[in-house]
Amino acid sequence: MTDNNNNGKNTLNQVGQYLGLGTQLAATIVIMVFIGKWLDGKFNTGSLYTLICAFIGGGAGLYNFIKTVLDIEKKSKNEP
C-alpha cells in the first residue's frame, strides 16, 4: 500500500511542476494586451500598440514556457 502511495505522490510532484505553466503563458499575453489597449487609448493609435504588445507578450510567454520546461527536464534527469 505504501508503494502505491509513494508512486502517487511522485506522479503528483512531477505533474505539479507543469500545472501553472499554461496560466503563466495566458497571463503574460493578457497583461500585455491590456497594456497595449491602455497605450492605444493614451496615444489614440487605433489598435497598433495592442497588436504589438500582444505579439511581445506571446513571445515572452512562450520563451518563459520553453525555458521553464527545459529547466524542469534538466533537473529531473539529474535526480537519482
PDB file of N, CA and C in Angstrom:
ATOM      1  N   MET A   1       0.826  -1.195   0.000  1.00  0.00           N
ATOM      2  CA  MET A   1       0.000   0.000   0.000  1.00  0.00           C
ATOM      3  C   MET A   1       0.870   1.259   0.000  1.00  0.00           C
ATOM      4  N   THR A   2       1.975   1.261   0.717  1.00  0.00           N
ATOM      5  CA  THR A   2       2.825   2.437   0.753  1.00  0.00           C
ATOM      6  C   THR A   2       3.522   2.665  -0.582  1.00  0.00           C
ATOM      7  N   ASP A   3       3.791   1.590  -1.340  1.00  0.00           N
ATOM      8  CA  ASP A   3       4.397   1.768  -2.660  1.00  0.00           C
ATOM      9  C   ASP A   3       3.450   2.509  -3.592  1.00  0.00           C
ATOM     10  N   ASN A   4       2.174   2.175  -3.558  1.00  0.00           N
ATOM     11  CA  ASN A   4       1.187   2.877  -4.376  1.00  0.00           C
ATOM     12  C   ASN A   4       1.060   4.322  -3.945  1.00  0.00           C
ATOM     13  N   ASN A   5       1.133   4.567  -2.650  1.00  0.00           N
ATOM     14  CA  ASN A   5       1.054   5.919  -2.127  1.00  0.00           C
ATOM     15  C   ASN A   5       2.257   6.743  -2.577  1.00  0.00           C
ATOM     16  N   ASN A   6       3.451   6.154  -2.510  1.00  0.00           N
ATOM     17  CA  ASN A   6       4.660   6.857  -2.946  1.00  0.00           C
ATOM     18  C   ASN A   6       4.634   7.113  -4.444  1.00  0.00           C
ATOM     19  N   ASN A   7       4.158   6.153  -5.225  1.00  0.00           N
ATOM     20  CA  ASN A   7       4.057   6.346  -6.668  1.00  0.00           C
ATOM     21  C   ASN A   7       3.099   7.474  -7.000  1.00  0.00           C
ATOM     22  N   GLY A   8       1.994   7.546  -6.280  1.00  0.00           N
ATOM     23  CA  GLY A   8       1.025   8.620  -6.482  1.00  0.00           C
ATOM     24  C   GLY A   8       1.608   9.979  -6.139  1.00  0.00           C
ATOM     25  N   LYS A   9       2.358  10.042  -5.045  1.00  0.00           N
ATOM     26  CA  LYS A   9       2.980  11.308  -4.654  1.00  0.00           C
ATOM     27  C   LYS A   9       4.040  11.729  -5.660  1.00  0.00           C
ATOM     28  N   ASN A  10       4.835  10.769  -6.132  1.00  0.00           N
ATOM     29  CA  ASN A  10       5.855  11.094  -7.127  1.00  0.00           C
ATOM     30  C   ASN A  10       5.216  11.602  -8.410  1.00  0.00           C
ATOM     31  N   THR A  11       4.143  10.971  -8.833  1.00  0.00           N
ATOM     32  CA  THR A  11       3.446  11.403 -10.041  1.00  0.00           C
ATOM     33  C   THR A  11       2.882  12.805  -9.862  1.00  0.00           C
ATOM     34  N   LEU A  12       2.270  13.076  -8.710  1.00  0.00           N
ATOM     35  CA  LEU A  12       1.729  14.414  -8.453  1.00  0.00           C
ATOM     36  C   LEU A  12       2.837  15.461  -8.410  1.00  0.00           C
ATOM     37  N   ASN A  13       3.970  15.121  -7.833  1.00  0.00           N
ATOM     38  CA  ASN A  13       5.095  16.054  -7.796  1.00  0.00           C
ATOM     39  C   ASN A  13       5.602  16.355  -9.198  1.00  0.00           C
ATOM     40  N   GLN A  14       5.666  15.339 -10.044  1.00  0.00           N
ATOM     41  CA  GLN A  14       6.144  15.533 -11.405  1.00  0.00           C
ATOM     42  C   GLN A  14       5.159  16.359 -12.225  1.00  0.00           C
ATOM     43  N   VAL A  15       3.877  16.068 -12.089  1.00  0.00           N
ATOM     44  CA  VAL A  15       2.857  16.783 -12.852  1.00  0.00           C
ATOM     45  C   VAL A  15       2.666  18.194 -12.304  1.00  0.00           C
ATOM     46  N   GLY A  16       2.769  18.355 -11.012  1.00  0.00           N
ATOM     47  CA  GLY A  16       2.545  19.644 -10.380  1.00  0.00           C
ATOM     48  C   GLY A  16       3.456  20.741 -10.883  1.00  0.00           C
ATOM     49  N   GLN A  17       4.642  20.372 -11.312  1.00  0.00           N
ATOM     50  CA  GLN A  17       5.588  21.366 -11.818  1.00  0.00           C
ATOM     51  C   GLN A  17       5.098  22.005 -13.113  1.00  0.00           C
ATOM     52  N   TYR A  18       4.264  21.296 -13.858  1.00  0.00           N
ATOM     53  CA  TYR A  18       3.801  21.781 -15.154  1.00  0.00           C
ATOM     54  C   TYR A  18       2.437  22.468 -15.090  1.00  0.00           C
ATOM     55  N   LEU A  19       1.722  22.353 -13.982  1.00  0.00           N
ATOM     56  CA  LEU A  19       0.343  22.815 -13.924  1.00  0.00           C
ATOM     57  C   LEU A  19       0.189  24.331 -14.112  1.00  0.00           C
ATOM     58  N   GLY A  20       1.081  25.118 -13.608  1.00  0.00           N
ATOM     59  CA  GLY A  20       0.941  26.561 -13.693  1.00  0.00           C
ATOM     60  C   GLY A  20       1.478  27.181 -14.969  1.00  0.00           C
ATOM     61  N   LEU A  21       2.116  26.395 -15.811  1.00  0.00           N
ATOM     62  CA  LEU A  21       2.757  26.971 -16.997  1.00  0.00           C
ATOM     63  C   LEU A  21       1.759  27.560 -17.986  1.00  0.00           C
ATOM     64  N   GLY A  22       0.648  26.908 -18.205  1.00  0.00           N
ATOM     65  CA  GLY A  22      -0.365  27.427 -19.122  1.00  0.00           C
ATOM     66  C   GLY A  22      -0.957  28.728 -18.621  1.00  0.00           C
ATOM     67  N   THR A  23      -1.174  28.796 -17.323  1.00  0.00           N
ATOM     68  CA  THR A  23      -1.709  30.016 -16.728  1.00  0.00           C
ATOM     69  C   THR A  23      -0.716  31.164 -16.859  1.00  0.00           C
ATOM     70  N   GLN A  24       0.558  30.875 -16.653  1.00  0.00           N
ATOM     71  CA  GLN A  24       1.580  31.913 -16.809  1.00  0.00           C
ATOM     72  C   GLN A  24       1.629  32.429 -18.238  1.00  0.00           C
ATOM     73  N   LEU A  25       1.553  31.525 -19.202  1.00  0.00           N
ATOM     74  CA  LEU A  25       1.573  31.916 -20.607  1.00  0.00           C
ATOM     75  C   LEU A  25       0.381  32.802 -20.931  1.00  0.00           C
ATOM     76  N   ALA A  26      -0.808  32.386 -20.527  1.00  0.00           N
ATOM     77  CA  ALA A  26      -2.021  33.163 -20.801  1.00  0.00           C
ATOM     78  C   ALA A  26      -1.990  34.510 -20.082  1.00  0.00           C
ATOM     79  N   ALA A  27      -1.531  34.518 -18.849  1.00  0.00           N
ATOM     80  CA  ALA A  27      -1.493  35.762 -18.077  1.00  0.00           C
ATOM     81  C   ALA A  27      -0.536  36.770 -18.695  1.00  0.00           C
ATOM     82  N   THR A  28       0.586  36.304 -19.192  1.00  0.00           N
ATOM     83  CA  THR A  28       1.546  37.201 -19.830  1.00  0.00           C
ATOM     84  C   THR A  28       0.927  37.869 -21.055  1.00  0.00           C
ATOM     85  N   ILE A  29       0.249  37.083 -21.865  1.00  0.00           N
ATOM     86  CA  ILE A  29      -0.376  37.636 -23.075  1.00  0.00           C
ATOM     87  C   ILE A  29      -1.488  38.611 -22.713  1.00  0.00           C
ATOM     88  N   VAL A  30      -2.343  38.231 -21.763  1.00  0.00           N
ATOM     89  CA  VAL A  30      -3.472  39.087 -21.379  1.00  0.00           C
ATOM     90  C   VAL A  30      -2.985  40.402 -20.780  1.00  0.00           C
ATOM     91  N   ILE A  31      -1.991  40.345 -19.935  1.00  0.00           N
ATOM     92  CA  ILE A  31      -1.459  41.576 -19.325  1.00  0.00           C
ATOM     93  C   ILE A  31      -0.879  42.494 -20.394  1.00  0.00           C
ATOM     94  N   MET A  32      -0.143  41.924 -21.339  1.00  0.00           N
ATOM     95  CA  MET A  32       0.437  42.745 -22.399  1.00  0.00           C
ATOM     96  C   MET A  32      -0.649  43.341 -23.314  1.00  0.00           C
ATOM     97  N   VAL A  33      -1.719  42.609 -23.556  1.00  0.00           N
ATOM     98  CA  VAL A  33      -2.825  43.152 -24.359  1.00  0.00           C
ATOM     99  C   VAL A  33      -3.461  44.332 -23.635  1.00  0.00           C
ATOM    100  N   PHE A  34      -3.659  44.214 -22.319  1.00  0.00           N
ATOM    101  CA  PHE A  34      -4.228  45.334 -21.571  1.00  0.00           C
ATOM    102  C   PHE A  34      -3.292  46.541 -21.566  1.00  0.00           C
ATOM    103  N   ILE A  35      -1.995  46.306 -21.489  1.00  0.00           N
ATOM    104  CA  ILE A  35      -1.045  47.417 -21.581  1.00  0.00           C
ATOM    105  C   ILE A  35      -1.139  48.072 -22.955  1.00  0.00           C
ATOM    106  N   GLY A  36      -1.238  47.259 -24.008  1.00  0.00           N
ATOM    107  CA  GLY A  36      -1.385  47.789 -25.363  1.00  0.00           C
ATOM    108  C   GLY A  36      -2.656  48.598 -25.522  1.00  0.00           C
ATOM    109  N   LYS A  37      -3.766  48.117 -24.955  1.00  0.00           N
ATOM    110  CA  LYS A  37      -5.027  48.869 -25.025  1.00  0.00           C
ATOM    111  C   LYS A  37      -4.900  50.208 -24.308  1.00  0.00           C
ATOM    112  N   TRP A  38      -4.225  50.190 -23.170  1.00  0.00           N
ATOM    113  CA  TRP A  38      -4.031  51.440 -22.433  1.00  0.00           C
ATOM    114  C   TRP A  38      -3.204  52.424 -23.253  1.00  0.00           C
ATOM    115  N   LEU A  39      -2.131  51.919 -23.879  1.00  0.00           N
ATOM    116  CA  LEU A  39      -1.293  52.788 -24.705  1.00  0.00           C
ATOM    117  C   LEU A  39      -2.061  53.311 -25.907  1.00  0.00           C
ATOM    118  N   ASP A  40      -2.903  52.468 -26.516  1.00  0.00           N
ATOM    119  CA  ASP A  40      -3.720  52.927 -27.637  1.00  0.00           C
ATOM    120  C   ASP A  40      -4.678  54.026 -27.211  1.00  0.00           C
ATOM    121  N   GLY A  41      -5.254  53.898 -26.046  1.00  0.00           N
ATOM    122  CA  GLY A  41      -6.147  54.939 -25.547  1.00  0.00           C
ATOM    123  C   GLY A  41      -5.411  56.224 -25.226  1.00  0.00           C
ATOM    124  N   LYS A  42      -4.199  56.079 -24.706  1.00  0.00           N
ATOM    125  CA  LYS A  42      -3.414  57.260 -24.330  1.00  0.00           C
ATOM    126  C   LYS A  42      -2.919  58.028 -25.556  1.00  0.00           C
ATOM    127  N   PHE A  43      -2.466  57.305 -26.589  1.00  0.00           N
ATOM    128  CA  PHE A  43      -1.895  57.955 -27.768  1.00  0.00           C
ATOM    129  C   PHE A  43      -2.834  57.987 -28.966  1.00  0.00           C
ATOM    130  N   ASN A  44      -4.061  57.441 -28.818  1.00  0.00           N
ATOM    131  CA  ASN A  44      -5.067  57.451 -29.876  1.00  0.00           C
ATOM    132  C   ASN A  44      -4.516  56.873 -31.184  1.00  0.00           C
ATOM    133  N   THR A  45      -4.018  55.629 -31.117  1.00  0.00           N
ATOM    134  CA  THR A  45      -3.374  54.996 -32.272  1.00  0.00           C
ATOM    135  C   THR A  45      -4.155  53.804 -32.817  1.00  0.00           C
ATOM    136  N   GLY A  46      -5.438  53.734 -32.580  1.00  0.00           N
ATOM    137  CA  GLY A  46      -6.221  52.601 -33.069  1.00  0.00           C
ATOM    138  C   GLY A  46      -5.896  51.357 -32.258  1.00  0.00           C
ATOM    139  N   SER A  47      -5.405  50.325 -32.935  1.00  0.00           N
ATOM    140  CA  SER A  47      -5.061  49.095 -32.216  1.00  0.00           C
ATOM    141  C   SER A  47      -3.603  48.701 -32.442  1.00  0.00           C
ATOM    142  N   LEU A  48      -2.781  49.654 -32.795  1.00  0.00           N
ATOM    143  CA  LEU A  48      -1.369  49.391 -33.090  1.00  0.00           C
ATOM    144  C   LEU A  48      -0.628  48.828 -31.877  1.00  0.00           C
ATOM    145  N   TYR A  49      -0.722  49.516 -30.753  1.00  0.00           N
ATOM    146  CA  TYR A  49       0.002  49.065 -29.564  1.00  0.00           C
ATOM    147  C   TYR A  49      -0.572  47.769 -28.997  1.00  0.00           C
ATOM    148  N   THR A  50      -1.862  47.561 -29.174  1.00  0.00           N
ATOM    149  CA  THR A  50      -2.459  46.304 -28.711  1.00  0.00           C
ATOM    150  C   THR A  50      -1.852  45.126 -29.461  1.00  0.00           C
ATOM    151  N   LEU A  51      -1.737  45.239 -30.767  1.00  0.00           N
ATOM    152  CA  LEU A  51      -1.145  44.165 -31.563  1.00  0.00           C
ATOM    153  C   LEU A  51       0.331  43.962 -31.233  1.00  0.00           C
ATOM    154  N   ILE A  52       1.068  45.049 -31.139  1.00  0.00           N
ATOM    155  CA  ILE A  52       2.496  44.947 -30.831  1.00  0.00           C
ATOM    156  C   ILE A  52       2.704  44.292 -29.470  1.00  0.00           C
ATOM    157  N   CYS A  53       1.959  44.754 -28.465  1.00  0.00           N
ATOM    158  CA  CYS A  53       2.106  44.196 -27.117  1.00  0.00           C
ATOM    159  C   CYS A  53       1.631  42.748 -27.053  1.00  0.00           C
ATOM    160  N   ALA A  54       0.610  42.390 -27.837  1.00  0.00           N
ATOM    161  CA  ALA A  54       0.149  41.003 -27.856  1.00  0.00           C
ATOM    162  C   ALA A  54       1.234  40.088 -28.400  1.00  0.00           C
ATOM    163  N   PHE A  55       1.909  40.505 -29.464  1.00  0.00           N
ATOM    164  CA  PHE A  55       2.993  39.687 -30.006  1.00  0.00           C
ATOM    165  C   PHE A  55       4.187  39.626 -29.056  1.00  0.00           C
ATOM    166  N   ILE A  56       4.505  40.740 -28.426  1.00  0.00           N
ATOM    167  CA  ILE A  56       5.588  40.735 -27.443  1.00  0.00           C
ATOM    168  C   ILE A  56       5.225  39.826 -26.266  1.00  0.00           C
ATOM    169  N   GLY A  57       3.988  39.912 -25.791  1.00  0.00           N
ATOM    170  CA  GLY A  57       3.534  39.064 -24.694  1.00  0.00           C
ATOM    171  C   GLY A  57       3.550  37.598 -25.072  1.00  0.00           C
ATOM    172  N   GLY A  58       3.134  37.289 -26.296  1.00  0.00           N
ATOM    173  CA  GLY A  58       3.168  35.907 -26.766  1.00  0.00           C
ATOM    174  C   GLY A  58       4.584  35.374 -26.846  1.00  0.00           C
ATOM    175  N   GLY A  59       5.479  36.179 -27.372  1.00  0.00           N
ATOM    176  CA  GLY A  59       6.880  35.763 -27.465  1.00  0.00           C
ATOM    177  C   GLY A  59       7.519  35.585 -26.102  1.00  0.00           C
ATOM    178  N   ALA A  60       7.274  36.541 -25.216  1.00  0.00           N
ATOM    179  CA  ALA A  60       7.852  36.450 -23.877  1.00  0.00           C
ATOM    180  C   ALA A  60       7.261  35.282 -23.100  1.00  0.00           C
ATOM    181  N   GLY A  61       5.964  35.077 -23.231  1.00  0.00           N
ATOM    182  CA  GLY A  61       5.324  33.965 -22.546  1.00  0.00           C
ATOM    183  C   GLY A  61       5.808  32.620 -23.062  1.00  0.00           C
ATOM    184  N   LEU A  62       5.957  32.510 -24.375  1.00  0.00           N
ATOM    185  CA  LEU A  62       6.440  31.268 -24.966  1.00  0.00           C
ATOM    186  C   LEU A  62       7.898  31.010 -24.579  1.00  0.00           C
ATOM    187  N   TYR A  63       8.704  32.056 -24.558  1.00  0.00           N
ATOM    188  CA  TYR A  63      10.095  31.916 -24.130  1.00  0.00           C
ATOM    189  C   TYR A  63      10.166  31.403 -22.696  1.00  0.00           C
ATOM    190  N   ASN A  64       9.370  32.007 -21.808  1.00  0.00           N
ATOM    191  CA  ASN A  64       9.351  31.589 -20.411  1.00  0.00           C
ATOM    192  C   ASN A  64       8.855  30.151 -20.278  1.00  0.00           C
ATOM    193  N   PHE A  65       7.839  29.775 -21.050  1.00  0.00           N
ATOM    194  CA  PHE A  65       7.290  28.418 -21.034  1.00  0.00           C
ATOM    195  C   PHE A  65       8.354  27.398 -21.419  1.00  0.00           C
ATOM    196  N   ILE A  66       9.027  27.637 -22.539  1.00  0.00           N
ATOM    197  CA  ILE A  66      10.046  26.702 -23.014  1.00  0.00           C
ATOM    198  C   ILE A  66      11.221  26.635 -22.050  1.00  0.00           C
ATOM    199  N   LYS A  67      11.663  27.776 -21.552  1.00  0.00           N
ATOM    200  CA  LYS A  67      12.785  27.820 -20.614  1.00  0.00           C
ATOM    201  C   LYS A  67      12.462  27.051 -19.338  1.00  0.00           C
ATOM    202  N   THR A  68      11.266  27.213 -18.826  1.00  0.00           N
ATOM    203  CA  THR A  68      10.868  26.522 -17.606  1.00  0.00           C
ATOM    204  C   THR A  68      10.785  25.015 -17.828  1.00  0.00           C
ATOM    205  N   VAL A  69      10.207  24.598 -18.949  1.00  0.00           N
ATOM    206  CA  VAL A  69      10.104  23.167 -19.239  1.00  0.00           C
ATOM    207  C   VAL A  69      11.490  22.547 -19.371  1.00  0.00           C
ATOM    208  N   LEU A  70      12.398  23.228 -20.057  1.00  0.00           N
ATOM    209  CA  LEU A  70      13.754  22.693 -20.207  1.00  0.00           C
ATOM    210  C   LEU A  70      14.476  22.618 -18.861  1.00  0.00           C
ATOM    211  N   ASP A  71      14.277  23.611 -18.002  1.00  0.00           N
ATOM    212  CA  ASP A  71      14.880  23.579 -16.663  1.00  0.00           C
ATOM    213  C   ASP A  71      14.335  22.422 -15.832  1.00  0.00           C
ATOM    214  N   ILE A  72      13.035  22.188 -15.900  1.00  0.00           N
ATOM    215  CA  ILE A  72      12.430  21.086 -15.149  1.00  0.00           C
ATOM    216  C   ILE A  72      12.956  19.757 -15.665  1.00  0.00           C
ATOM    217  N   GLU A  73      13.055  19.622 -16.978  1.00  0.00           N
ATOM    218  CA  GLU A  73      13.563  18.377 -17.562  1.00  0.00           C
ATOM    219  C   GLU A  73      15.018  18.139 -17.164  1.00  0.00           C
ATOM    220  N   LYS A  74      15.821  19.199 -17.146  1.00  0.00           N
ATOM    221  CA  LYS A  74      17.220  19.067 -16.765  1.00  0.00           C
ATOM    222  C   LYS A  74      17.350  18.635 -15.309  1.00  0.00           C
ATOM    223  N   LYS A  75      16.512  19.211 -14.433  1.00  0.00           N
ATOM    224  CA  LYS A  75      16.537  18.829 -13.022  1.00  0.00           C
ATOM    225  C   LYS A  75      16.096  17.396 -12.831  1.00  0.00           C
ATOM    226  N   SER A  76      15.094  16.964 -13.588  1.00  0.00           N
ATOM    227  CA  SER A  76      14.593  15.589 -13.417  1.00  0.00           C
ATOM    228  C   SER A  76      15.610  14.565 -13.921  1.00  0.00           C
ATOM    229  N   LYS A  77      16.416  14.916 -14.910  1.00  0.00           N
ATOM    230  CA  LYS A  77      17.453  13.985 -15.399  1.00  0.00           C
ATOM    231  C   LYS A  77      18.624  13.890 -14.423  1.00  0.00           C
ATOM    232  N   ASN A  78      18.886  14.966 -13.687  1.00  0.00           N
ATOM    233  CA  ASN A  78      19.999  14.969 -12.738  1.00  0.00           C
ATOM    234  C   ASN A  78      19.657  14.275 -11.427  1.00  0.00           C
ATOM    235  N   GLU A  79      18.356  14.091 -11.152  1.00  0.00           N
ATOM    236  CA  GLU A  79      17.973  13.414  -9.908  1.00  0.00           C
ATOM    237  C   GLU A  79      18.191  11.924 -10.039  1.00  0.00           C
ATOM    238  N   PRO A  80      18.589  11.278  -8.929  1.00  0.00           N
ATOM    239  CA  PRO A  80      18.843   9.824  -8.983  1.00  0.00           C
ATOM    240  C   PRO A  80      17.585   9.008  -9.165  1.00  0.00           C
TER     241      PRO A  80
END
